[in-house]
Amino acid sequence: CLGGLLMPLLLRLFPAPTLDLAGHGEAP
């Protein structure tokens, strides 16, 4: 439960560097 709560919170507080992944893998 902690992993499901904390990681989204950490990503909001400390956003990951933006990567341009157009065309990589499947589209959401």
PDB file of all heavy atoms in Angstrom:
ATOM      1  N   CYS A   1       0.829  -1.212   0.000  1.00  0.00           N
ATOM      2  CA  CYS A   1       0.000   0.000   0.000  1.00  0.00           C
ATOM      3  C   CYS A   1       0.858   1.255   0.000  1.00  0.00           C
ATOM      4  O   CYS A   1       0.544   2.237  -0.688  1.00  0.00           O
ATOM      5  CB  CYS A   1      -0.938  -0.007   1.199  1.00  0.00           C
ATOM      6  SG  CYS A   1      -2.187  -1.316   1.175  1.00  0.00           S
ATOM      7  N   LEU A   2       1.942   1.215   0.762  1.00  0.00           N
ATOM      8  CA  LEU A   2       2.816   2.386   0.842  1.00  0.00           C
ATOM      9  C   LEU A   2       3.436   2.702  -0.515  1.00  0.00           C
ATOM     10  O   LEU A   2       3.557   3.866  -0.909  1.00  0.00           O
ATOM     11  CB  LEU A   2       3.906   2.143   1.881  1.00  0.00           C
ATOM     12  CG  LEU A   2       4.703   3.376   2.305  1.00  0.00           C
ATOM     13  CD1 LEU A   2       3.816   4.343   3.068  1.00  0.00           C
ATOM     14  CD2 LEU A   2       5.889   2.980   3.169  1.00  0.00           C
ATOM     15  N   GLY A   3       3.841   1.649  -1.244  1.00  0.00           N
ATOM     16  CA  GLY A   3       4.400   1.875  -2.575  1.00  0.00           C
ATOM     17  C   GLY A   3       3.401   2.531  -3.509  1.00  0.00           C
ATOM     18  O   GLY A   3       3.758   3.439  -4.283  1.00  0.00           O
ATOM     19  N   GLY A   4       2.135   2.079  -3.433  1.00  0.00           N
ATOM     20  CA  GLY A   4       1.110   2.648  -4.297  1.00  0.00           C
ATOM     21  C   GLY A   4       0.758   4.076  -3.951  1.00  0.00           C
ATOM     22  O   GLY A   4       0.284   4.831  -4.814  1.00  0.00           O
ATOM     23  N   LEU A   5       0.971   4.468  -2.691  1.00  0.00           N
ATOM     24  CA  LEU A   5       0.674   5.836  -2.268  1.00  0.00           C
ATOM     25  C   LEU A   5       1.869   6.772  -2.428  1.00  0.00           C
ATOM     26  O   LEU A   5       1.731   7.917  -2.879  1.00  0.00           O
ATOM     27  CB  LEU A   5       0.219   5.839  -0.800  1.00  0.00           C
ATOM     28  CG  LEU A   5      -1.131   5.176  -0.498  1.00  0.00           C
ATOM     29  CD1 LEU A   5      -1.332   5.073   1.008  1.00  0.00           C
ATOM     30  CD2 LEU A   5      -2.268   5.938  -1.144  1.00  0.00           C
ATOM     31  N   LEU A   6       3.064   6.276  -2.058  1.00  0.00           N
ATOM     32  CA  LEU A   6       4.229   7.160  -1.991  1.00  0.00           C
ATOM     33  C   LEU A   6       4.833   7.482  -3.345  1.00  0.00           C
ATOM     34  O   LEU A   6       5.231   8.623  -3.584  1.00  0.00           O
ATOM     35  CB  LEU A   6       5.297   6.544  -1.091  1.00  0.00           C
ATOM     36  CG  LEU A   6       5.204   6.838   0.405  1.00  0.00           C
ATOM     37  CD1 LEU A   6       6.440   6.336   1.122  1.00  0.00           C
ATOM     38  CD2 LEU A   6       5.038   8.330   0.653  1.00  0.00           C
ATOM     39  N   MET A   7       4.944   6.492  -4.242  1.00  0.00           N
ATOM     40  CA  MET A   7       5.617   6.768  -5.513  1.00  0.00           C
ATOM     41  C   MET A   7       4.873   7.811  -6.340  1.00  0.00           C
ATOM     42  O   MET A   7       5.503   8.740  -6.862  1.00  0.00           O
ATOM     43  CB  MET A   7       5.842   5.490  -6.307  1.00  0.00           C
ATOM     44  CG  MET A   7       6.577   5.730  -7.640  1.00  0.00           C
ATOM     45  SD  MET A   7       8.150   6.629  -7.455  1.00  0.00           S
ATOM     46  CE  MET A   7       9.262   5.286  -7.071  1.00  0.00           C
ATOM     47  N   PRO A   8       3.534   7.737  -6.509  1.00  0.00           N
ATOM     48  CA  PRO A   8       2.859   8.838  -7.218  1.00  0.00           C
ATOM     49  C   PRO A   8       3.061  10.183  -6.535  1.00  0.00           C
ATOM     50  O   PRO A   8       3.220  11.211  -7.204  1.00  0.00           O
ATOM     51  CB  PRO A   8       1.379   8.414  -7.195  1.00  0.00           C
ATOM     52  CG  PRO A   8       1.407   6.922  -7.059  1.00  0.00           C
ATOM     53  CD  PRO A   8       2.592   6.639  -6.186  1.00  0.00           C
ATOM     54  N   LEU A   9       3.099  10.172  -5.177  1.00  0.00           N
ATOM     55  CA  LEU A   9       3.318  11.423  -4.452  1.00  0.00           C
ATOM     56  C   LEU A   9       4.722  11.960  -4.702  1.00  0.00           C
ATOM     57  O   LEU A   9       4.915  13.154  -4.957  1.00  0.00           O
ATOM     58  CB  LEU A   9       3.097  11.198  -2.957  1.00  0.00           C
ATOM     59  CG  LEU A   9       3.367  12.394  -2.035  1.00  0.00           C
ATOM     60  CD1 LEU A   9       2.425  13.550  -2.378  1.00  0.00           C
ATOM     61  CD2 LEU A   9       3.219  11.987  -0.573  1.00  0.00           C
ATOM     62  N   LEU A  10       5.718  11.078  -4.671  1.00  0.00           N
ATOM     63  CA  LEU A  10       7.095  11.499  -4.924  1.00  0.00           C
ATOM     64  C   LEU A  10       7.263  12.037  -6.342  1.00  0.00           C
ATOM     65  O   LEU A  10       7.994  13.006  -6.571  1.00  0.00           O
ATOM     66  CB  LEU A  10       8.054  10.327  -4.691  1.00  0.00           C
ATOM     67  CG  LEU A  10       8.270   9.905  -3.231  1.00  0.00           C
ATOM     68  CD1 LEU A  10       9.110   8.634  -3.161  1.00  0.00           C
ATOM     69  CD2 LEU A  10       8.939  11.026  -2.439  1.00  0.00           C
ATOM     70  N   LEU A  11       6.568  11.414  -7.287  1.00  0.00           N
ATOM     71  CA  LEU A  11       6.665  11.882  -8.671  1.00  0.00           C
ATOM     72  C   LEU A  11       6.007  13.244  -8.860  1.00  0.00           C
ATOM     73  O   LEU A  11       6.399  14.011  -9.736  1.00  0.00           O
ATOM     74  CB  LEU A  11       6.039  10.846  -9.613  1.00  0.00           C
ATOM     75  CG  LEU A  11       6.902   9.602  -9.886  1.00  0.00           C
ATOM     76  CD1 LEU A  11       6.101   8.546 -10.629  1.00  0.00           C
ATOM     77  CD2 LEU A  11       8.150   9.981 -10.667  1.00  0.00           C
ATOM     78  N   ARG A  12       4.995  13.546  -8.034  1.00  0.00           N
ATOM     79  CA  ARG A  12       4.395  14.881  -8.102  1.00  0.00           C
ATOM     80  C   ARG A  12       5.304  15.919  -7.439  1.00  0.00           C
ATOM     81  O   ARG A  12       5.417  17.049  -7.913  1.00  0.00           O
ATOM     82  CB  ARG A  12       3.017  14.879  -7.442  1.00  0.00           C
ATOM     83  CG  ARG A  12       1.920  14.271  -8.297  1.00  0.00           C
ATOM     84  CD  ARG A  12       0.545  14.637  -7.791  1.00  0.00           C
ATOM     85  NE  ARG A  12       0.272  14.055  -6.479  1.00  0.00           N
ATOM     86  CZ  ARG A  12      -0.274  12.852  -6.292  1.00  0.00           C
ATOM     87  NH1 ARG A  12      -0.585  12.100  -7.341  1.00  0.00           N
ATOM     88  NH2 ARG A  12      -0.505  12.406  -5.081  1.00  0.00           N
ATOM     89  N   LEU A  13       5.926  15.522  -6.334  1.00  0.00           N
ATOM     90  CA  LEU A  13       6.809  16.459  -5.628  1.00  0.00           C
ATOM     91  C   LEU A  13       8.128  16.656  -6.358  1.00  0.00           C
ATOM     92  O   LEU A  13       8.687  17.754  -6.377  1.00  0.00           O
ATOM     93  CB  LEU A  13       7.067  15.951  -4.204  1.00  0.00           C
ATOM     94  CG  LEU A  13       5.867  15.911  -3.266  1.00  0.00           C
ATOM     95  CD1 LEU A  13       6.254  15.280  -1.932  1.00  0.00           C
ATOM     96  CD2 LEU A  13       5.310  17.317  -3.037  1.00  0.00           C
ATOM     97  N   PHE A  14       8.643  15.559  -6.941  1.00  0.00           N
ATOM     98  CA  PHE A  14       9.934  15.598  -7.644  1.00  0.00           C
ATOM     99  C   PHE A  14       9.739  14.987  -9.032  1.00  0.00           C
ATOM    100  O   PHE A  14      10.063  13.817  -9.246  1.00  0.00           O
ATOM    101  CB  PHE A  14      11.003  14.829  -6.860  1.00  0.00           C
ATOM    102  CG  PHE A  14      11.099  15.223  -5.418  1.00  0.00           C
ATOM    103  CD1 PHE A  14      10.503  14.450  -4.428  1.00  0.00           C
ATOM    104  CD2 PHE A  14      11.761  16.385  -5.053  1.00  0.00           C
ATOM    105  CE1 PHE A  14      10.586  14.809  -3.094  1.00  0.00           C
ATOM    106  CE2 PHE A  14      11.848  16.757  -3.718  1.00  0.00           C
ATOM    107  CZ  PHE A  14      11.259  15.969  -2.738  1.00  0.00           C
ATOM    108  N   PRO A  15       9.175  15.725  -9.969  1.00  0.00           N
ATOM    109  CA  PRO A  15       8.846  15.160 -11.290  1.00  0.00           C
ATOM    110  C   PRO A  15      10.075  14.608 -12.002  1.00  0.00           C
ATOM    111  O   PRO A  15      11.190  15.136 -11.867  1.00  0.00           O
ATOM    112  CB  PRO A  15       8.257  16.355 -12.044  1.00  0.00           C
ATOM    113  CG  PRO A  15       7.848  17.321 -10.981  1.00  0.00           C
ATOM    114  CD  PRO A  15       8.814  17.140  -9.863  1.00  0.00           C
ATOM    115  N   ALA A  16       9.840  13.530 -12.734  1.00  0.00           N
ATOM    116  CA  ALA A  16      10.915  12.944 -13.531  1.00  0.00           C
ATOM    117  C   ALA A  16      11.257  13.868 -14.690  1.00  0.00           C
ATOM    118  O   ALA A  16      10.389  14.601 -15.195  1.00  0.00           O
ATOM    119  CB  ALA A  16      10.484  11.579 -14.061  1.00  0.00           C
ATOM    120  N   PRO A  17      12.524  13.866 -15.121  1.00  0.00           N
ATOM    121  CA  PRO A  17      12.884  14.651 -16.313  1.00  0.00           C
ATOM    122  C   PRO A  17      12.016  14.257 -17.501  1.00  0.00           C
ATOM    123  O   PRO A  17      11.727  13.072 -17.714  1.00  0.00           O
ATOM    124  CB  PRO A  17      14.354  14.274 -16.544  1.00  0.00           C
ATOM    125  CG  PRO A  17      14.853  13.843 -15.205  1.00  0.00           C
ATOM    126  CD  PRO A  17      13.686  13.180 -14.529  1.00  0.00           C
ATOM    127  N   THR A  18      11.580  15.244 -18.248  1.00  0.00           N
ATOM    128  CA  THR A  18      10.709  14.995 -19.397  1.00  0.00           C
ATOM    129  C   THR A  18      11.511  14.377 -20.536  1.00  0.00           C
ATOM    130  O   THR A  18      12.564  14.895 -20.931  1.00  0.00           O
ATOM    131  CB  THR A  18      10.053  16.299 -19.884  1.00  0.00           C
ATOM    132  OG1 THR A  18       9.336  16.870 -18.784  1.00  0.00           O
ATOM    133  CG2 THR A  18       9.106  16.025 -21.032  1.00  0.00           C
ATOM    134  N   LEU A  19      11.006  13.259 -21.054  1.00  0.00           N
ATOM    135  CA  LEU A  19      11.663  12.582 -22.175  1.00  0.00           C
ATOM    136  C   LEU A  19      10.731  12.593 -23.369  1.00  0.00           C
ATOM    137  O   LEU A  19       9.523  12.357 -23.237  1.00  0.00           O
ATOM    138  CB  LEU A  19      12.006  11.137 -21.804  1.00  0.00           C
ATOM    139  CG  LEU A  19      12.962  10.931 -20.624  1.00  0.00           C
ATOM    140  CD1 LEU A  19      13.208   9.441 -20.409  1.00  0.00           C
ATOM    141  CD2 LEU A  19      14.277  11.645 -20.859  1.00  0.00           C
ATOM    142  N   ASP A  20      11.287  12.832 -24.531  1.00  0.00           N
ATOM    143  CA  ASP A  20      10.520  12.783 -25.776  1.00  0.00           C
ATOM    144  C   ASP A  20      10.570  11.353 -26.291  1.00  0.00           C
ATOM    145  O   ASP A  20      11.554  10.921 -26.885  1.00  0.00           O
ATOM    146  CB  ASP A  20      11.118  13.740 -26.819  1.00  0.00           C
ATOM    147  CG  ASP A  20      10.352  13.696 -28.136  1.00  0.00           C
ATOM    148  OD1 ASP A  20       9.230  13.147 -28.135  1.00  0.00           O
ATOM    149  OD2 ASP A  20      10.887  14.200 -29.141  1.00  0.00           O
ATOM    150  N   LEU A  21       9.483  10.602 -26.039  1.00  0.00           N
ATOM    151  CA  LEU A  21       9.453   9.190 -26.416  1.00  0.00           C
ATOM    152  C   LEU A  21       8.437   8.935 -27.513  1.00  0.00           C
ATOM    153  O   LEU A  21       7.855   7.863 -27.591  1.00  0.00           O
ATOM    154  CB  LEU A  21       9.124   8.327 -25.192  1.00  0.00           C
ATOM    155  CG  LEU A  21      10.210   8.318 -24.101  1.00  0.00           C
ATOM    156  CD1 LEU A  21       9.701   7.590 -22.881  1.00  0.00           C
ATOM    157  CD2 LEU A  21      11.475   7.669 -24.621  1.00  0.00           C
ATOM    158  N   ALA A  22       8.195   9.904 -28.330  1.00  0.00           N
ATOM    159  CA  ALA A  22       7.233   9.727 -29.420  1.00  0.00           C
ATOM    160  C   ALA A  22       7.641   8.560 -30.290  1.00  0.00           C
ATOM    161  O   ALA A  22       8.768   8.451 -30.746  1.00  0.00           O
ATOM    162  CB  ALA A  22       7.167  11.006 -30.263  1.00  0.00           C
ATOM    163  N   GLY A  23       6.693   7.644 -30.458  1.00  0.00           N
ATOM    164  CA  GLY A  23       6.950   6.490 -31.315  1.00  0.00           C
ATOM    165  C   GLY A  23       7.603   5.335 -30.606  1.00  0.00           C
ATOM    166  O   GLY A  23       7.808   4.295 -31.201  1.00  0.00           O
ATOM    167  N   HIS A  24       7.948   5.485 -29.317  1.00  0.00           N
ATOM    168  CA  HIS A  24       8.584   4.383 -28.595  1.00  0.00           C
ATOM    169  C   HIS A  24       7.521   3.582 -27.878  1.00  0.00           C
ATOM    170  O   HIS A  24       6.831   4.067 -27.007  1.00  0.00           O
ATOM    171  CB  HIS A  24       9.590   4.917 -27.583  1.00  0.00           C
ATOM    172  CG  HIS A  24      10.509   3.853 -27.075  1.00  0.00           C
ATOM    173  ND1 HIS A  24      11.846   3.829 -27.363  1.00  0.00           N
ATOM    174  CD2 HIS A  24      10.272   2.763 -26.327  1.00  0.00           C
ATOM    175  CE1 HIS A  24      12.403   2.788 -26.809  1.00  0.00           C
ATOM    176  NE2 HIS A  24      11.449   2.127 -26.152  1.00  0.00           N
ATOM    177  N   GLY A  25       7.437   2.300 -28.200  1.00  0.00           N
ATOM    178  CA  GLY A  25       6.490   1.415 -27.519  1.00  0.00           C
ATOM    179  C   GLY A  25       5.060   1.711 -27.929  1.00  0.00           C
ATOM    180  O   GLY A  25       4.758   2.419 -28.865  1.00  0.00           O
ATOM    181  N   GLU A  26       4.140   1.134 -27.146  1.00  0.00           N
ATOM    182  CA  GLU A  26       2.733   1.281 -27.437  1.00  0.00           C
ATOM    183  C   GLU A  26       2.230   2.631 -26.938  1.00  0.00           C
ATOM    184  O   GLU A  26       2.746   3.202 -25.991  1.00  0.00           O
ATOM    185  CB  GLU A  26       1.927   0.166 -26.733  1.00  0.00           C
ATOM    186  CG  GLU A  26       2.472  -1.232 -27.016  1.00  0.00           C
ATOM    187  CD  GLU A  26       3.479  -1.683 -25.954  1.00  0.00           C
ATOM    188  OE1 GLU A  26       4.042  -0.796 -25.282  1.00  0.00           O
ATOM    189  OE2 GLU A  26       3.695  -2.881 -25.833  1.00  0.00           O
ATOM    190  N   ALA A  27       1.199   3.136 -27.567  1.00  0.00           N
ATOM    191  CA  ALA A  27       0.604   4.397 -27.121  1.00  0.00           C
ATOM    192  C   ALA A  27      -0.325   4.135 -25.949  1.00  0.00           C
ATOM    193  O   ALA A  27      -0.970   3.107 -25.884  1.00  0.00           O
ATOM    194  CB  ALA A  27      -0.177   5.037 -28.260  1.00  0.00           C
ATOM    195  N   PRO A  28      -0.388   5.067 -25.000  1.00  0.00           N
ATOM    196  CA  PRO A  28      -1.309   4.886 -23.883  1.00  0.00           C
ATOM    197  C   PRO A  28      -2.753   4.820 -24.353  1.00  0.00           C
ATOM    198  O   PRO A  28      -3.143   5.470 -25.310  1.00  0.00           O
ATOM    199  CB  PRO A  28      -1.078   6.141 -23.027  1.00  0.00           C
ATOM    200  CG  PRO A  28       0.268   6.649 -23.444  1.00  0.00           C
ATOM    201  CD  PRO A  28       0.408   6.288 -24.890  1.00  0.00           C
TER     202      PRO A  28
END
